[in-house]
């Protein structure tokens, strides 16, 4: 297991980064948000220093796939042609 951490994505605001982090965590992928906005006092600093979403290098490919999958993508489920009971 490697301890290498990589930047998966960069965001202009912490809210979007934290949302993406939550999606990854819900899929079992540990992540961390790195923001330098002076403790929220200067959120515009994200224009110069983007908010970064960090993951382990070994999780990067799966994490990118999870974030690139549309939320409304149909789940893989068996097709059932049985009509509903009346």
PDB file of N, CA and C in Angstrom:
ATOM      1  N   UNK A   1       0.840  -1.175   0.000  1.00  0.00           N
ATOM      2  CA  UNK A   1       0.000   0.000   0.000  1.00  0.00           C
ATOM      3  C   UNK A   1       0.888   1.242   0.000  1.00  0.00           C
ATOM      4  N   UNK A   2       0.611   2.127  -0.926  1.00  0.00           N
ATOM      5  CA  UNK A   2       1.393   3.353  -1.046  1.00  0.00           C
ATOM      6  C   UNK A   2       0.766   4.458  -0.200  1.00  0.00           C
ATOM      7  N   UNK A   3       1.611   5.306   0.355  1.00  0.00           N
ATOM      8  CA  UNK A   3       1.127   6.450   1.124  1.00  0.00           C
ATOM      9  C   UNK A   3       1.092   7.719   0.283  1.00  0.00           C
ATOM     10  N   UNK A   4       1.323   7.584  -1.015  1.00  0.00           N
ATOM     11  CA  UNK A   4       1.361   8.762  -1.882  1.00  0.00           C
ATOM     12  C   UNK A   4      -0.031   9.372  -2.014  1.00  0.00           C
ATOM     13  N   UNK A   5      -0.097  10.683  -1.854  1.00  0.00           N
ATOM     14  CA  UNK A   5      -1.344  11.436  -1.980  1.00  0.00           C
ATOM     15  C   UNK A   5      -1.260  12.270  -3.257  1.00  0.00           C
ATOM     16  N   UNK A   6      -2.362  12.280  -4.018  1.00  0.00           N
ATOM     17  CA  UNK A   6      -2.394  13.043  -5.264  1.00  0.00           C
ATOM     18  C   UNK A   6      -3.592  13.990  -5.256  1.00  0.00           C
ATOM     19  N   UNK A   7      -3.483  15.045  -6.042  1.00  0.00           N
ATOM     20  CA  UNK A   7      -4.600  15.970  -6.227  1.00  0.00           C
ATOM     21  C   UNK A   7      -5.491  15.390  -7.313  1.00  0.00           C
ATOM     22  N   UNK A   8      -6.720  15.067  -6.944  1.00  0.00           N
ATOM     23  CA  UNK A   8      -7.659  14.500  -7.906  1.00  0.00           C
ATOM     24  C   UNK A   8      -8.346  15.598  -8.717  1.00  0.00           C
ATOM     25  N   UNK A   9      -8.794  16.638  -8.031  1.00  0.00           N
ATOM     26  CA  UNK A   9      -9.489  17.754  -8.683  1.00  0.00           C
ATOM     27  C   UNK A   9      -9.181  19.050  -7.949  1.00  0.00           C
ATOM     28  N   UNK A  10      -9.394  20.156  -8.643  1.00  0.00           N
ATOM     29  CA  UNK A  10      -9.300  21.483  -8.039  1.00  0.00           C
ATOM     30  C   UNK A  10     -10.634  22.185  -8.244  1.00  0.00           C
ATOM     31  N   UNK A  11     -11.063  22.933  -7.216  1.00  0.00           N
ATOM     32  CA  UNK A  11     -12.360  23.601  -7.232  1.00  0.00           C
ATOM     33  C   UNK A  11     -12.184  25.078  -6.907  1.00  0.00           C
ATOM     34  N   UNK A  12     -13.163  25.887  -7.323  1.00  0.00           N
ATOM     35  CA  UNK A  12     -13.129  27.314  -7.019  1.00  0.00           C
ATOM     36  C   UNK A  12     -13.784  27.633  -5.684  1.00  0.00           C
ATOM     37  N   UNK A  13     -14.482  26.649  -5.094  1.00  0.00           N
ATOM     38  CA  UNK A  13     -15.063  26.891  -3.774  1.00  0.00           C
ATOM     39  C   UNK A  13     -15.037  25.612  -2.953  1.00  0.00           C
ATOM     40  N   UNK A  14     -15.035  25.801  -1.655  1.00  0.00           N
ATOM     41  CA  UNK A  14     -14.908  24.673  -0.735  1.00  0.00           C
ATOM     42  C   UNK A  14     -16.166  23.809  -0.714  1.00  0.00           C
ATOM     43  N   UNK A  15     -17.322  24.401  -0.939  1.00  0.00           N
ATOM     44  CA  UNK A  15     -18.572  23.646  -0.927  1.00  0.00           C
ATOM     45  C   UNK A  15     -18.554  22.544  -1.979  1.00  0.00           C
ATOM     46  N   UNK A  16     -18.165  22.877  -3.205  1.00  0.00           N
ATOM     47  CA  UNK A  16     -18.105  21.869  -4.266  1.00  0.00           C
ATOM     48  C   UNK A  16     -17.085  20.783  -3.937  1.00  0.00           C
ATOM     49  N   UNK A  17     -15.957  21.178  -3.380  1.00  0.00           N
ATOM     50  CA  UNK A  17     -14.923  20.206  -3.022  1.00  0.00           C
ATOM     51  C   UNK A  17     -15.420  19.267  -1.931  1.00  0.00           C
ATOM     52  N   UNK A  18     -16.103  19.809  -0.939  1.00  0.00           N
ATOM     53  CA  UNK A  18     -16.620  18.972   0.152  1.00  0.00           C
ATOM     54  C   UNK A  18     -17.731  18.049  -0.338  1.00  0.00           C
ATOM     55  N   UNK A  19     -18.544  18.527  -1.276  1.00  0.00           N
ATOM     56  CA  UNK A  19     -19.578  17.667  -1.853  1.00  0.00           C
ATOM     57  C   UNK A  19     -18.934  16.482  -2.567  1.00  0.00           C
ATOM     58  N   UNK A  20     -17.914  16.744  -3.378  1.00  0.00           N
ATOM     59  CA  UNK A  20     -17.205  15.673  -4.082  1.00  0.00           C
ATOM     60  C   UNK A  20     -16.557  14.715  -3.087  1.00  0.00           C
ATOM     61  N   UNK A  21     -15.999  15.245  -2.016  1.00  0.00           N
ATOM     62  CA  UNK A  21     -15.385  14.414  -0.985  1.00  0.00           C
ATOM     63  C   UNK A  21     -16.427  13.506  -0.341  1.00  0.00           C
ATOM     64  N   UNK A  22     -17.619  14.036  -0.094  1.00  0.00           N
ATOM     65  CA  UNK A  22     -18.697  13.244   0.495  1.00  0.00           C
ATOM     66  C   UNK A  22     -19.121  12.118  -0.437  1.00  0.00           C
ATOM     67  N   UNK A  23     -19.197  12.403  -1.726  1.00  0.00           N
ATOM     68  CA  UNK A  23     -19.537  11.364  -2.706  1.00  0.00           C
ATOM     69  C   UNK A  23     -18.493  10.255  -2.676  1.00  0.00           C
ATOM     70  N   UNK A  24     -17.222  10.626  -2.636  1.00  0.00           N
ATOM     71  CA  UNK A  24     -16.161   9.620  -2.580  1.00  0.00           C
ATOM     72  C   UNK A  24     -16.248   8.806  -1.298  1.00  0.00           C
ATOM     73  N   UNK A  25     -16.420   9.471  -0.162  1.00  0.00           N
ATOM     74  CA  UNK A  25     -16.506   8.773   1.124  1.00  0.00           C
ATOM     75  C   UNK A  25     -17.686   7.802   1.127  1.00  0.00           C
ATOM     76  N   UNK A  26     -18.817   8.196   0.522  1.00  0.00           N
ATOM     77  CA  UNK A  26     -19.987   7.323   0.449  1.00  0.00           C
ATOM     78  C   UNK A  26     -19.717   6.088  -0.393  1.00  0.00           C
ATOM     79  N   UNK A  27     -18.732   6.175  -1.267  1.00  0.00           N
ATOM     80  CA  UNK A  27     -18.345   5.040  -2.104  1.00  0.00           C
ATOM     81  C   UNK A  27     -17.115   4.326  -1.556  1.00  0.00           C
ATOM     82  N   UNK A  28     -16.765   4.609  -0.317  1.00  0.00           N
ATOM     83  CA  UNK A  28     -15.666   3.910   0.342  1.00  0.00           C
ATOM     84  C   UNK A  28     -14.278   4.373  -0.045  1.00  0.00           C
ATOM     85  N   UNK A  29     -14.178   5.571  -0.608  1.00  0.00           N
ATOM     86  CA  UNK A  29     -12.879   6.103  -1.025  1.00  0.00           C
ATOM     87  C   UNK A  29     -12.504   7.254  -0.094  1.00  0.00           C
ATOM     88  N   UNK A  30     -11.486   7.072   0.746  1.00  0.00           N
ATOM     89  CA  UNK A  30     -11.081   8.156   1.640  1.00  0.00           C
ATOM     90  C   UNK A  30     -10.557   9.353   0.844  1.00  0.00           C
ATOM     91  N   UNK A  31     -10.894  10.538   1.299  1.00  0.00           N
ATOM     92  CA  UNK A  31     -10.426  11.748   0.619  1.00  0.00           C
ATOM     93  C   UNK A  31     -10.250  12.859   1.639  1.00  0.00           C
ATOM     94  N   UNK A  32      -9.593  13.913   1.193  1.00  0.00           N
ATOM     95  CA  UNK A  32      -9.331  15.063   2.060  1.00  0.00           C
ATOM     96  C   UNK A  32      -9.454  16.325   1.221  1.00  0.00           C
ATOM     97  N   UNK A  33      -9.996  17.374   1.809  1.00  0.00           N
ATOM     98  CA  UNK A  33     -10.101  18.665   1.141  1.00  0.00           C
ATOM     99  C   UNK A  33      -9.029  19.582   1.715  1.00  0.00           C
ATOM    100  N   UNK A  34      -8.268  20.209   0.826  1.00  0.00           N
ATOM    101  CA  UNK A  34      -7.209  21.130   1.223  1.00  0.00           C
ATOM    102  C   UNK A  34      -7.566  22.516   0.694  1.00  0.00           C
ATOM    103  N   UNK A  35      -7.842  23.444   1.620  1.00  0.00           N
ATOM    104  CA  UNK A  35      -8.232  24.800   1.227  1.00  0.00           C
ATOM    105  C   UNK A  35      -7.401  25.813   1.999  1.00  0.00           C
ATOM    106  N   UNK A  36      -6.979  26.861   1.311  1.00  0.00           N
ATOM    107  CA  UNK A  36      -6.252  27.943   1.963  1.00  0.00           C
ATOM    108  C   UNK A  36      -7.032  29.231   1.744  1.00  0.00           C
ATOM    109  N   UNK A  37      -8.079  29.395   2.541  1.00  0.00           N
ATOM    110  CA  UNK A  37      -8.916  30.591   2.431  1.00  0.00           C
ATOM    111  C   UNK A  37      -8.882  31.396   3.723  1.00  0.00           C
ATOM    112  N   UNK A  38      -7.787  31.303   4.451  1.00  0.00           N
ATOM    113  CA  UNK A  38      -7.610  32.025   5.720  1.00  0.00           C
ATOM    114  C   UNK A  38      -8.754  31.721   6.675  1.00  0.00           C
ATOM    115  N   UNK A  39      -9.066  30.449   6.798  1.00  0.00           N
ATOM    116  CA  UNK A  39     -10.129  30.042   7.718  1.00  0.00           C
ATOM    117  C   UNK A  39     -11.499  30.515   7.293  1.00  0.00           C
ATOM    118  N   UNK A  40     -11.701  30.730   6.019  1.00  0.00           N
ATOM    119  CA  UNK A  40     -12.975  31.198   5.508  1.00  0.00           C
ATOM    120  C   UNK A  40     -13.100  32.712   5.474  1.00  0.00           C
ATOM    121  N   UNK A  41     -12.111  33.419   5.994  1.00  0.00           N
ATOM    122  CA  UNK A  41     -12.168  34.883   6.014  1.00  0.00           C
ATOM    123  C   UNK A  41     -12.035  35.477   4.617  1.00  0.00           C
ATOM    124  N   UNK A  42     -11.311  34.784   3.745  1.00  0.00           N
ATOM    125  CA  UNK A  42     -11.091  35.274   2.382  1.00  0.00           C
ATOM    126  C   UNK A  42     -11.387  34.169   1.375  1.00  0.00           C
ATOM    127  N   UNK A  43     -12.673  33.834   1.164  1.00  0.00           N
ATOM    128  CA  UNK A  43     -12.992  32.757   0.228  1.00  0.00           C
ATOM    129  C   UNK A  43     -12.525  33.038  -1.198  1.00  0.00           C
ATOM    130  N   UNK A  44     -12.328  34.314  -1.539  1.00  0.00           N
ATOM    131  CA  UNK A  44     -11.868  34.642  -2.891  1.00  0.00           C
ATOM    132  C   UNK A  44     -10.433  34.185  -3.139  1.00  0.00           C
ATOM    133  N   UNK A  45      -9.714  33.805  -2.081  1.00  0.00           N
ATOM    134  CA  UNK A  45      -8.355  33.290  -2.267  1.00  0.00           C
ATOM    135  C   UNK A  45      -8.353  32.013  -3.102  1.00  0.00           C
ATOM    136  N   UNK A  46      -9.515  31.337  -3.185  1.00  0.00           N
ATOM    137  CA  UNK A  46      -9.603  30.114  -3.976  1.00  0.00           C
ATOM    138  C   UNK A  46      -9.355  30.395  -5.456  1.00  0.00           C
ATOM    139  N   UNK A  47      -9.499  31.650  -5.879  1.00  0.00           N
ATOM    140  CA  UNK A  47      -9.192  31.990  -7.269  1.00  0.00           C
ATOM    141  C   UNK A  47      -7.698  31.901  -7.536  1.00  0.00           C
ATOM    142  N   UNK A  48      -6.900  32.169  -6.509  1.00  0.00           N
ATOM    143  CA  UNK A  48      -5.445  32.111  -6.631  1.00  0.00           C
ATOM    144  C   UNK A  48      -4.921  30.754  -6.181  1.00  0.00           C
ATOM    145  N   UNK A  49      -5.487  30.264  -5.085  1.00  0.00           N
ATOM    146  CA  UNK A  49      -5.095  28.968  -4.520  1.00  0.00           C
ATOM    147  C   UNK A  49      -6.326  28.069  -4.523  1.00  0.00           C
ATOM    148  N   UNK A  50      -6.543  27.296  -5.588  1.00  0.00           N
ATOM    149  CA  UNK A  50      -7.758  26.487  -5.684  1.00  0.00           C
ATOM    150  C   UNK A  50      -7.892  25.512  -4.509  1.00  0.00           C
ATOM    151  N   UNK A  51      -9.137  25.191  -4.200  1.00  0.00           N
ATOM    152  CA  UNK A  51      -9.428  24.180  -3.189  1.00  0.00           C
ATOM    153  C   UNK A  51      -9.146  22.828  -3.835  1.00  0.00           C
ATOM    154  N   UNK A  52      -8.345  22.013  -3.163  1.00  0.00           N
ATOM    155  CA  UNK A  52      -7.899  20.748  -3.755  1.00  0.00           C
ATOM    156  C   UNK A  52      -8.565  19.562  -3.075  1.00  0.00           C
ATOM    157  N   UNK A  53      -8.926  18.584  -3.891  1.00  0.00           N
ATOM    158  CA  UNK A  53      -9.467  17.320  -3.399  1.00  0.00           C
ATOM    159  C   UNK A  53      -8.364  16.285  -3.524  1.00  0.00           C
ATOM    160  N   UNK A  54      -7.949  15.726  -2.398  1.00  0.00           N
ATOM    161  CA  UNK A  54      -6.832  14.789  -2.351  1.00  0.00           C
ATOM    162  C   UNK A  54      -7.319  13.367  -2.105  1.00  0.00           C
ATOM    163  N   UNK A  55      -6.675  12.412  -2.772  1.00  0.00           N
ATOM    164  CA  UNK A  55      -6.943  10.987  -2.551  1.00  0.00           C
ATOM    165  C   UNK A  55      -5.619  10.233  -2.592  1.00  0.00           C
ATOM    166  N   UNK A  56      -5.645   9.000  -2.127  1.00  0.00           N
ATOM    167  CA  UNK A  56      -4.457   8.156  -2.254  1.00  0.00           C
ATOM    168  C   UNK A  56      -4.248   7.849  -3.731  1.00  0.00           C
ATOM    169  N   UNK A  57      -3.002   7.752  -4.135  1.00  0.00           N
ATOM    170  CA  UNK A  57      -2.674   7.487  -5.540  1.00  0.00           C
ATOM    171  C   UNK A  57      -3.345   6.209  -6.026  1.00  0.00           C
ATOM    172  N   UNK A  58      -3.394   5.204  -5.173  1.00  0.00           N
ATOM    173  CA  UNK A  58      -3.986   3.922  -5.572  1.00  0.00           C
ATOM    174  C   UNK A  58      -5.498   4.014  -5.770  1.00  0.00           C
ATOM    175  N   UNK A  59      -6.146   5.044  -5.222  1.00  0.00           N
ATOM    176  CA  UNK A  59      -7.594   5.224  -5.365  1.00  0.00           C
ATOM    177  C   UNK A  59      -7.965   6.220  -6.455  1.00  0.00           C
ATOM    178  N   UNK A  60      -6.987   6.858  -7.071  1.00  0.00           N
ATOM    179  CA  UNK A  60      -7.252   7.973  -7.982  1.00  0.00           C
ATOM    180  C   UNK A  60      -8.117   7.586  -9.180  1.00  0.00           C
ATOM    181  N   UNK A  61      -7.828   6.472  -9.816  1.00  0.00           N
ATOM    182  CA  UNK A  61      -8.593   6.082 -11.008  1.00  0.00           C
ATOM    183  C   UNK A  61     -10.053   5.801 -10.655  1.00  0.00           C
ATOM    184  N   UNK A  62     -10.274   5.047  -9.586  1.00  0.00           N
ATOM    185  CA  UNK A  62     -11.642   4.744  -9.169  1.00  0.00           C
ATOM    186  C   UNK A  62     -12.362   6.010  -8.715  1.00  0.00           C
ATOM    187  N   UNK A  63     -11.672   6.871  -7.998  1.00  0.00           N
ATOM    188  CA  UNK A  63     -12.276   8.120  -7.528  1.00  0.00           C
ATOM    189  C   UNK A  63     -12.706   8.991  -8.708  1.00  0.00           C
ATOM    190  N   UNK A  64     -11.869   9.087  -9.719  1.00  0.00           N
ATOM    191  CA  UNK A  64     -12.220   9.871 -10.909  1.00  0.00           C
ATOM    192  C   UNK A  64     -13.436   9.272 -11.604  1.00  0.00           C
ATOM    193  N   UNK A  65     -13.485   7.949 -11.674  1.00  0.00           N
ATOM    194  CA  UNK A  65     -14.631   7.277 -12.301  1.00  0.00           C
ATOM    195  C   UNK A  65     -15.914   7.565 -11.522  1.00  0.00           C
ATOM    196  N   UNK A  66     -15.840   7.500 -10.206  1.00  0.00           N
ATOM    197  CA  UNK A  66     -17.013   7.774  -9.368  1.00  0.00           C
ATOM    198  C   UNK A  66     -17.499   9.200  -9.594  1.00  0.00           C
ATOM    199  N   UNK A  67     -16.591  10.162  -9.599  1.00  0.00           N
ATOM    200  CA  UNK A  67     -16.996  11.555  -9.775  1.00  0.00           C
ATOM    201  C   UNK A  67     -17.466  11.858 -11.194  1.00  0.00           C
ATOM    202  N   UNK A  68     -16.998  11.105 -12.172  1.00  0.00           N
ATOM    203  CA  UNK A  68     -17.396  11.336 -13.563  1.00  0.00           C
ATOM    204  C   UNK A  68     -18.706  10.648 -13.929  1.00  0.00           C
ATOM    205  N   UNK A  69     -19.210   9.773 -13.058  1.00  0.00           N
ATOM    206  CA  UNK A  69     -20.466   9.071 -13.323  1.00  0.00           C
ATOM    207  C   UNK A  69     -21.626   9.994 -12.963  1.00  0.00           C
ATOM    208  N   UNK A  70     -22.532  10.250 -13.910  1.00  0.00           N
ATOM    209  CA  UNK A  70     -23.670  11.123 -13.609  1.00  0.00           C
ATOM    210  C   UNK A  70     -24.511  10.559 -12.469  1.00  0.00           C
ATOM    211  N   UNK A  71     -25.031  11.438 -11.642  1.00  0.00           N
ATOM    212  CA  UNK A  71     -25.826  11.011 -10.486  1.00  0.00           C
ATOM    213  C   UNK A  71     -27.095  10.289 -10.908  1.00  0.00           C
ATOM    214  N   UNK A  72     -27.625  10.615 -12.080  1.00  0.00           N
ATOM    215  CA  UNK A  72     -28.861   9.986 -12.523  1.00  0.00           C
ATOM    216  C   UNK A  72     -28.622   8.785 -13.430  1.00  0.00           C
ATOM    217  N   UNK A  73     -27.392   8.286 -13.466  1.00  0.00           N
ATOM    218  CA  UNK A  73     -27.096   7.101 -14.273  1.00  0.00           C
ATOM    219  C   UNK A  73     -27.856   5.916 -13.694  1.00  0.00           C
ATOM    220  N   UNK A  74     -28.504   5.136 -14.554  1.00  0.00           N
ATOM    221  CA  UNK A  74     -29.273   3.993 -14.037  1.00  0.00           C
ATOM    222  C   UNK A  74     -28.352   2.954 -13.415  1.00  0.00           C
ATOM    223  N   UNK A  75     -28.828   2.395 -12.327  1.00  0.00           N
ATOM    224  CA  UNK A  75     -28.075   1.329 -11.667  1.00  0.00           C
ATOM    225  C   UNK A  75     -28.219   0.053 -12.483  1.00  0.00           C
ATOM    226  N   UNK A  76     -27.209  -0.766 -12.451  1.00  0.00           N
ATOM    227  CA  UNK A  76     -27.275  -2.048 -13.138  1.00  0.00           C
ATOM    228  C   UNK A  76     -28.197  -2.961 -12.340  1.00  0.00           C
ATOM    229  N   UNK A  77     -29.347  -3.254 -12.902  1.00  0.00           N
ATOM    230  CA  UNK A  77     -30.309  -4.128 -12.226  1.00  0.00           C
ATOM    231  C   UNK A  77     -30.886  -5.096 -13.248  1.00  0.00           C
ATOM    232  N   UNK A  78     -31.260  -6.285 -12.798  1.00  0.00           N
ATOM    233  CA  UNK A  78     -31.863  -7.236 -13.736  1.00  0.00           C
ATOM    234  C   UNK A  78     -33.178  -6.683 -14.268  1.00  0.00           C
ATOM    235  N   UNK A  79     -33.433  -6.944 -15.536  1.00  0.00           N
ATOM    236  CA  UNK A  79     -34.663  -6.477 -16.170  1.00  0.00           C
ATOM    237  C   UNK A  79     -35.788  -7.442 -15.828  1.00  0.00           C
ATOM    238  N   UNK A  80     -36.909  -6.912 -15.384  1.00  0.00           N
ATOM    239  CA  UNK A  80     -38.047  -7.739 -14.990  1.00  0.00           C
ATOM    240  C   UNK A  80     -39.230  -7.389 -15.880  1.00  0.00           C
ATOM    241  N   UNK A  81     -39.655  -8.351 -16.712  1.00  0.00           N
ATOM    242  CA  UNK A  81     -40.789  -8.138 -17.609  1.00  0.00           C
ATOM    243  C   UNK A  81     -42.111  -8.532 -16.972  1.00  0.00           C
ATOM    244  N   UNK A  82     -42.088  -8.959 -15.738  1.00  0.00           N
ATOM    245  CA  UNK A  82     -43.312  -9.392 -15.076  1.00  0.00           C
ATOM    246  C   UNK A  82     -44.211  -8.188 -14.830  1.00  0.00           C
ATOM    247  N   UNK A  83     -45.467  -8.258 -15.297  1.00  0.00           N
ATOM    248  CA  UNK A  83     -46.368  -7.126 -15.062  1.00  0.00           C
ATOM    249  C   UNK A  83     -46.700  -7.025 -13.571  1.00  0.00           C
ATOM    250  N   UNK A  84     -46.970  -5.820 -13.104  1.00  0.00           N
ATOM    251  CA  UNK A  84     -47.315  -5.659 -11.690  1.00  0.00           C
ATOM    252  C   UNK A  84     -48.622  -6.361 -11.357  1.00  0.00           C
ATOM    253  N   UNK A  85     -48.710  -6.862 -10.144  1.00  0.00           N
ATOM    254  CA  UNK A  85     -49.933  -7.543  -9.702  1.00  0.00           C
ATOM    255  C   UNK A  85     -51.059  -6.531  -9.586  1.00  0.00           C
ATOM    256  N   UNK A  86     -52.253  -6.962  -9.997  1.00  0.00           N
ATOM    257  CA  UNK A  86     -53.409  -6.050  -9.948  1.00  0.00           C
ATOM    258  C   UNK A  86     -54.149  -6.160  -8.654  1.00  0.00           C
TER     259      UNK A  86
END
